[in-house]
Every structure is written in C-alpha cells, then in structure tokens.
C-alpha cells in the first residue's frame, strides 16, 4: 500500500469551518472586512494545526490496525465507519483536551475493529464525549472499580472519590454535579455519593451496563 494513502494532506484555504465563518462575518457590513482578517489571523492557524494533528493521529492508528490484519481499503467503503470518523472529527476540532481527543480516537477505532455498540448507542456515546468533561470520564472510570481508603470500615462514596482524586478535596459542589450528570444519563447506579455504607459497599462497582459500554467505547480496542 502506498504510504501517502494515510498521510494527512497539506492545509488548504478551503477549510469548511473557516469558510463558513468568513462568509458569515463578511455579510455584516459594519464589521465585515476587519473582522474577517482578525478571525483569519487569530483562529485559522490553530484550527488548521488542530485539524492536521487529528488527521495524523487517525492515520497512525489506521497503520496500526492494518498491521493487525484489518483491511483499511475495505473499511473505507463502510458507511458506518465513515460516519464515525466524521462525527468524531467534528467533535475533535472543538476541543483542545488531549484526553477527549484520545477518547474520540479510541471510539473511531472500536468502530473500525467491529466493536461498535450499535448505531443508536454509538451516536449517543459520541454526543456524550462532546458534552461531558474529562472530569466526568475520570469519575466514571474510577467508580467502575473503586478503591476505598485502607482501614475505613464505614463511610460515603464521596470519601472514596476524594481519596482517589485528591485534587477534588473540599469541592463537593463540583463533584456532586458531575455525579448527577452521570447518573441522569444512566451511567451510574447510585443516587448519592454521601449515603453511609460498609467498606464492602465502598469498593463495589457503581457503573451500569450502559456505563460499562460507554467506557469500552472510549477505551483502546481489544484486538
């Protein structure tokens, strides 16, 4: 296979996001010209860099999948895969967070490896990657297999969270809201972080089946 198949193309002036924004700003008579130039100067270079970095990371992973026996030419003919790439790419361009971009890349290649959770869940999961923060993902992953503090015989899950994520100590308002967000999406099976329970309960898995499926979707595919 020719190496250039997976190489990201050079940046062009036809970047869709830039063209749309430029056209929109130009349509406003008062701010059109100067605003367009400001946008081009401040936004286009980092947007192009972000786009090329994302394309390069996808290309690298395609090479890896090819060495594991996946026919990427055949993959390129599958509408489901192309849709996954497009969905993930749109989200990737909107975030600077490496952890979210890694989750998106893993999601794409779970689809490539035939490990999609199904079209409906796949769409939902991509939307969650977009709307949830890295902190949401970290807390969800923590409570898939929580580690309670040693020597504690009774307590609340908030203590488990602060033990494992000391940067959140004293920030109950923040992590309570994150918990509510995850619970409202059906990703966790427990209403509150603050009910008292035994050490056995503190170490119990708190993710639901759909929570586990979401975490598999954003994790490195098992090939």
Protein backbone atom coordinates (compact mmCIF):
# COMPACT_ATOMS: atom_id res chain seq x y z
CA UNK A 1 0.00 0.00 0.00
CA UNK A 2 1.30 3.45 -0.84
CA UNK A 3 2.35 5.41 2.23
CA UNK A 4 0.60 8.55 1.06
CA UNK A 5 -2.84 6.93 1.47
CA UNK A 6 -2.71 7.60 5.20
CA UNK A 7 -0.78 10.86 5.15
CA UNK A 8 -2.74 13.98 6.13
CA UNK A 9 -2.98 16.47 3.24
CA UNK A 10 -1.43 19.90 3.38
CA UNK A 11 -3.57 22.67 4.82
CA UNK A 12 -5.75 24.46 2.30
CA UNK A 13 -7.79 27.65 2.20
CA UNK A 14 -10.90 25.55 1.70
CA UNK A 15 -11.29 24.62 5.35
CA UNK A 16 -15.07 24.40 5.78
CA UNK A 17 -15.25 25.87 9.28
CA UNK A 18 -13.12 28.81 8.25
CA UNK A 19 -15.05 29.39 5.02
CA UNK A 20 -18.41 29.42 6.78
CA UNK A 21 -17.26 31.80 9.49
CA UNK A 22 -15.55 34.05 6.95
CA UNK A 23 -18.68 34.21 4.81
CA UNK A 24 -20.84 34.93 7.81
CA UNK A 25 -18.67 37.75 9.04
CA UNK A 26 -18.32 39.26 5.57
CA UNK A 27 -22.10 39.50 5.34
CA UNK A 28 -22.13 42.03 8.19
CA UNK A 29 -21.39 45.42 6.58
CA UNK A 30 -20.07 47.19 9.64
CA UNK A 31 -17.57 44.60 10.81
CA UNK A 32 -17.05 42.52 7.65
CA UNK A 33 -13.52 43.28 6.45
CA UNK A 34 -11.58 43.87 9.68
CA UNK A 35 -13.45 41.07 11.48
CA UNK A 36 -12.60 38.59 8.75
CA UNK A 37 -8.94 39.49 8.93
CA UNK A 38 -8.94 39.21 12.71
CA UNK A 39 -10.58 35.81 12.51
CA UNK A 40 -8.10 34.64 9.91
CA UNK A 41 -5.14 35.85 11.97
CA UNK A 42 -6.26 34.52 15.37
CA UNK A 43 -8.35 31.43 14.64
CA UNK A 44 -7.30 29.86 11.36
CA UNK A 45 -3.71 28.83 12.25
CA UNK A 46 -4.57 26.94 15.49
CA UNK A 47 -7.67 25.44 13.88
CA UNK A 48 -5.61 24.16 10.97
CA UNK A 49 -2.97 22.80 13.35
CA UNK A 50 -5.65 21.03 15.41
CA UNK A 51 -7.17 19.54 12.26
CA UNK A 52 -3.85 18.24 10.97
CA UNK A 53 -2.88 16.80 14.36
CA UNK A 54 -6.18 14.94 14.50
CA UNK A 55 -5.79 13.61 10.96
CA UNK A 56 -2.23 12.47 11.72
CA UNK A 57 -3.35 10.62 14.86
CA UNK A 58 -6.11 8.87 12.90
CA UNK A 59 -3.63 7.94 10.17
CA UNK A 60 -1.21 6.47 12.71
CA UNK A 61 -3.93 4.32 14.19
CA UNK A 62 -5.04 3.14 10.76
CA UNK A 63 -1.50 1.96 10.12
CA UNK A 64 -1.56 0.06 13.41
CA UNK A 65 -4.90 -1.55 12.61
CA UNK A 66 -3.60 -2.56 9.20
CA UNK A 67 -0.67 -4.40 10.80
CA UNK A 68 -3.23 -6.27 12.93
CA UNK A 69 -4.99 -7.62 9.88
CA UNK A 70 -7.76 -5.07 9.26
CA UNK A 71 -8.27 -4.27 5.58
CA UNK A 72 -8.41 -0.48 5.61
CA UNK A 73 -9.41 -0.30 1.93
CA UNK A 74 -12.49 -2.34 2.72
CA UNK A 75 -13.01 -0.25 5.84
CA UNK A 76 -13.09 2.90 3.73
CA UNK A 77 -16.12 1.56 1.87
CA UNK A 78 -18.20 1.13 5.02
CA UNK A 79 -20.64 3.95 5.63
CA UNK A 80 -20.75 3.25 9.36
CA UNK A 81 -17.00 3.82 9.69
CA UNK A 82 -17.04 6.98 7.56
CA UNK A 83 -19.91 8.37 9.66
CA UNK A 84 -17.98 7.60 12.85
CA UNK A 85 -14.89 9.36 11.52
CA UNK A 86 -16.93 12.41 10.51
CA UNK A 87 -18.75 12.59 13.84
CA UNK A 88 -15.56 12.21 15.86
CA UNK A 89 -13.66 14.71 13.69
CA UNK A 90 -16.26 17.43 14.19
CA UNK A 91 -16.01 16.98 17.95
CA UNK A 92 -12.21 16.78 17.92
CA UNK A 93 -11.95 20.17 16.24
CA UNK A 94 -13.98 21.72 19.05
CA UNK A 95 -11.74 20.58 21.90
CA UNK A 96 -8.17 21.22 22.95
CA UNK A 97 -8.23 18.48 25.61
CA UNK A 98 -5.93 15.56 24.81
CA UNK A 99 -7.96 13.11 26.91
CA UNK A 100 -11.14 13.82 24.96
CA UNK A 101 -9.35 13.55 21.64
CA UNK A 102 -7.90 10.21 22.75
CA UNK A 103 -11.41 9.04 23.70
CA UNK A 104 -12.63 10.06 20.25
CA UNK A 105 -9.80 8.26 18.51
CA UNK A 106 -10.46 5.11 20.52
CA UNK A 107 -14.16 5.34 19.69
CA UNK A 108 -13.44 5.55 15.96
CA UNK A 109 -11.25 2.50 16.07
CA UNK A 110 -13.62 0.46 18.12
CA UNK A 111 -16.00 1.00 15.20
CA UNK A 112 -13.20 0.09 12.77
CA UNK A 113 -12.49 -3.10 14.71
CA UNK A 114 -16.14 -4.17 14.55
CA UNK A 115 -16.77 -3.34 18.20
CA UNK A 116 -19.45 -0.70 17.77
CA UNK A 117 -22.21 -0.85 20.42
CA UNK A 118 -24.80 -0.33 17.67
CA UNK A 119 -25.84 2.73 15.70
CA UNK A 120 -28.15 4.25 18.34
CA UNK A 121 -25.70 3.90 21.22
CA UNK A 122 -22.79 4.94 19.04
CA UNK A 123 -24.49 8.25 18.22
CA UNK A 124 -25.39 8.76 21.88
CA UNK A 125 -21.86 7.98 23.04
CA UNK A 126 -20.29 10.45 20.62
CA UNK A 127 -22.66 13.14 21.92
CA UNK A 128 -21.61 12.31 25.48
CA UNK A 129 -17.92 12.58 24.64
CA UNK A 130 -18.70 16.03 23.27
CA UNK A 131 -20.84 17.26 26.16
CA UNK A 132 -19.13 15.65 29.15
CA UNK A 133 -15.87 16.94 30.59
CA UNK A 134 -12.67 15.00 31.17
CA UNK A 135 -13.59 15.04 34.86
CA UNK A 136 -16.83 13.20 34.06
CA UNK A 137 -14.88 10.49 32.28
CA UNK A 138 -12.35 10.21 35.10
CA UNK A 139 -15.01 9.84 37.79
CA UNK A 140 -16.98 7.32 35.77
CA UNK A 141 -13.87 5.23 35.21
CA UNK A 142 -12.95 5.45 38.90
CA UNK A 143 -16.28 4.03 40.01
CA UNK A 144 -16.15 1.13 37.60
CA UNK A 145 -13.63 -0.35 40.02
CA UNK A 146 -13.32 1.95 43.07
CA UNK A 147 -10.54 1.65 45.63
CA UNK A 148 -11.70 2.69 49.13
CA UNK A 149 -9.26 4.16 51.66
CA UNK A 150 -7.48 1.45 53.66
CA UNK A 151 -8.67 0.97 57.22
CA UNK A 152 -12.07 2.61 56.64
CA UNK A 153 -14.95 0.42 57.82
CA UNK A 154 -17.82 2.79 57.04
CA UNK A 155 -18.22 5.96 55.04
CA UNK A 156 -19.59 7.54 51.88
CA UNK A 157 -18.55 7.31 48.26
CA UNK A 158 -17.51 10.96 48.45
CA UNK A 159 -14.65 9.84 50.66
CA UNK A 160 -13.63 7.24 48.07
CA UNK A 161 -13.66 9.92 45.38
CA UNK A 162 -11.56 12.37 47.39
CA UNK A 163 -9.14 9.59 48.37
CA UNK A 164 -8.54 8.64 44.74
CA UNK A 165 -8.77 12.18 43.34
CA UNK A 166 -7.22 14.43 46.00
CA UNK A 167 -7.44 17.45 43.70
CA UNK A 168 -11.20 17.41 44.39
CA UNK A 169 -10.97 17.50 48.17
CA UNK A 170 -13.31 20.13 49.52
CA UNK A 171 -15.00 20.61 46.14
CA UNK A 172 -18.21 18.75 46.88
CA UNK A 173 -20.38 21.12 44.84
CA UNK A 174 -18.37 20.29 41.73
CA UNK A 175 -18.19 16.52 42.04
CA UNK A 176 -21.79 16.23 43.22
CA UNK A 177 -22.89 17.93 40.00
CA UNK A 178 -20.68 15.66 37.92
CA UNK A 179 -22.21 12.66 39.69
CA UNK A 180 -25.73 13.94 38.94
CA UNK A 181 -24.82 14.39 35.28
CA UNK A 182 -23.56 10.82 35.02
CA UNK A 183 -26.49 9.42 36.99
CA UNK A 184 -29.03 11.26 34.84
CA UNK A 185 -27.58 9.59 31.75
CA UNK A 186 -27.93 6.16 33.31
CA UNK A 187 -24.18 5.62 33.59
CA UNK A 188 -24.16 5.12 37.38
CA UNK A 189 -26.43 3.00 39.57
CA UNK A 190 -26.27 5.01 42.80
CA UNK A 191 -28.12 8.25 43.53
CA UNK A 192 -25.76 9.87 46.02
CA UNK A 193 -22.12 9.97 46.97
CA UNK A 194 -22.94 10.58 50.61
CA UNK A 195 -25.01 7.65 51.90
CA UNK A 196 -23.14 5.74 54.63
CA UNK A 197 -22.09 2.18 53.75
CA UNK A 198 -19.65 -0.54 54.74
CA UNK A 199 -16.16 -0.96 53.34
CA UNK A 200 -17.55 -3.67 51.07
CA UNK A 201 -20.08 -1.21 49.67
CA UNK A 202 -17.41 1.44 49.21
CA UNK A 203 -15.46 -0.90 46.94
CA UNK A 204 -18.46 -2.06 44.91
CA UNK A 205 -18.79 -1.32 41.21
CA UNK A 206 -21.11 1.65 40.56
CA UNK A 207 -21.26 1.76 36.77
CA UNK A 208 -24.29 0.40 34.92
CA UNK A 209 -24.24 -1.81 31.82
CA UNK A 210 -24.54 1.24 29.61
CA UNK A 211 -21.81 2.94 31.65
CA UNK A 212 -19.52 -0.03 31.03
CA UNK A 213 -20.39 0.02 27.32
CA UNK A 214 -19.55 3.73 27.13
CA UNK A 215 -16.19 3.18 28.82
CA UNK A 216 -15.38 0.34 26.41
CA UNK A 217 -16.25 2.64 23.51
CA UNK A 218 -13.77 5.31 24.62
CA UNK A 219 -11.01 2.85 25.54
CA UNK A 220 -8.33 1.27 23.37
CA UNK A 221 -9.99 -1.52 21.36
CA UNK A 222 -9.09 -5.06 22.31
CA UNK A 223 -8.00 -6.77 19.08
